[in-house]
């Protein structure tokens, strides 16, 4: 991490709060299923089909940033051997 030191729990809480602030803006029909990658320190974010591309764009603007990702409209980012579960609208 950068100079800011956070526990995993603090990081998750901060990311969830940031996502909740952005939720109405980003949960549009064209974004459902895409990844939102957020810089939890600045609040800046990118949305893309692939998290790596969104992460790279954020890292260019904020080198060393602490990033956190959510799949827009879903409870989890990835599923291993299962099905992604949608969040209630």
Protein backbone atom coordinates (compact mmCIF):
# COMPACT_ATOMS: atom_id res chain seq x y z
CA UNK A 1 0.00 0.00 0.00
CA UNK A 2 0.90 3.62 -0.28
CA UNK A 3 1.81 5.70 2.78
CA UNK A 4 -1.70 5.07 4.05
CA UNK A 5 -1.95 1.89 6.07
CA UNK A 6 -5.33 0.22 6.33
CA UNK A 7 -6.44 -3.16 7.52
CA UNK A 8 -8.35 -5.31 5.05
CA UNK A 9 -11.54 -4.61 7.00
CA UNK A 10 -11.01 -0.84 6.92
CA UNK A 11 -10.22 -0.99 3.21
CA UNK A 12 -13.38 -2.98 2.50
CA UNK A 13 -15.54 -0.62 4.54
CA UNK A 14 -14.10 2.42 2.83
CA UNK A 15 -14.55 0.88 -0.62
CA UNK A 16 -18.16 -0.15 0.15
CA UNK A 17 -18.98 3.37 1.35
CA UNK A 18 -17.46 4.89 -1.80
CA UNK A 19 -19.39 2.44 -4.00
CA UNK A 20 -22.65 3.27 -2.19
CA UNK A 21 -22.06 6.96 -2.95
CA UNK A 22 -21.52 6.14 -6.64
CA UNK A 23 -24.14 3.40 -6.94
CA UNK A 24 -26.99 5.39 -8.50
CA UNK A 25 -24.61 6.99 -10.98
CA UNK A 26 -22.86 3.78 -12.10
CA UNK A 27 -25.60 1.12 -11.92
CA UNK A 28 -26.97 1.85 -15.37
CA UNK A 29 -28.16 -0.85 -17.79
CA UNK A 30 -25.01 -0.51 -19.91
CA UNK A 31 -22.74 -0.94 -16.86
CA UNK A 32 -24.40 -3.96 -15.19
CA UNK A 33 -21.83 -6.76 -15.12
CA UNK A 34 -18.84 -4.51 -15.75
CA UNK A 35 -16.17 -3.88 -13.13
CA UNK A 36 -15.77 -0.63 -11.27
CA UNK A 37 -12.25 -0.20 -9.94
CA UNK A 38 -11.91 2.54 -7.36
CA UNK A 39 -8.98 4.37 -5.83
CA UNK A 40 -10.16 4.34 -2.21
CA UNK A 41 -7.90 7.26 -1.28
CA UNK A 42 -8.96 9.76 -3.95
CA UNK A 43 -12.43 8.44 -4.83
CA UNK A 44 -11.48 8.32 -8.51
CA UNK A 45 -12.76 5.31 -10.45
CA UNK A 46 -12.84 3.56 -13.81
CA UNK A 47 -15.46 1.22 -15.28
CA UNK A 48 -14.53 -1.47 -17.80
CA UNK A 49 -15.30 -5.01 -18.92
CA UNK A 50 -11.84 -6.00 -17.70
CA UNK A 51 -10.62 -4.91 -14.30
CA UNK A 52 -6.99 -4.96 -15.37
CA UNK A 53 -7.55 -2.24 -17.96
CA UNK A 54 -9.48 -0.06 -15.52
CA UNK A 55 -6.75 -0.63 -12.91
CA UNK A 56 -4.01 0.36 -15.34
CA UNK A 57 -5.77 3.62 -16.24
CA UNK A 58 -6.19 4.47 -12.54
CA UNK A 59 -2.57 3.59 -11.77
CA UNK A 60 -1.44 5.97 -14.52
CA UNK A 61 -3.38 8.81 -12.88
CA UNK A 62 -2.62 7.75 -9.29
CA UNK A 63 0.65 5.78 -9.11
CA UNK A 64 0.73 3.41 -6.15
CA UNK A 65 -2.98 3.88 -5.46
CA UNK A 66 -4.89 1.45 -3.25
CA UNK A 67 -7.49 -0.05 -5.59
CA UNK A 68 -10.67 -1.99 -4.86
CA UNK A 69 -13.10 -3.51 -7.38
CA UNK A 70 -16.78 -4.45 -7.47
CA UNK A 71 -18.82 -6.04 -10.24
CA UNK A 72 -21.61 -3.56 -10.89
CA UNK A 73 -24.99 -5.00 -9.94
CA UNK A 74 -23.58 -8.21 -8.46
CA UNK A 75 -22.71 -9.41 -4.95
CA UNK A 76 -19.26 -10.69 -5.93
CA UNK A 77 -16.61 -9.88 -8.52
CA UNK A 78 -15.88 -13.48 -9.55
CA UNK A 79 -17.31 -16.94 -9.03
CA UNK A 80 -15.31 -20.15 -9.10
CA UNK A 81 -17.44 -23.06 -10.24
CA UNK A 82 -20.68 -21.26 -9.43
CA UNK A 83 -22.98 -18.55 -10.64
CA UNK A 84 -22.67 -14.84 -9.96
CA UNK A 85 -25.59 -13.64 -7.86
CA UNK A 86 -27.25 -10.34 -8.74
CA UNK A 87 -27.97 -7.75 -6.07
CA UNK A 88 -31.58 -6.79 -5.51
CA UNK A 89 -32.44 -3.68 -7.57
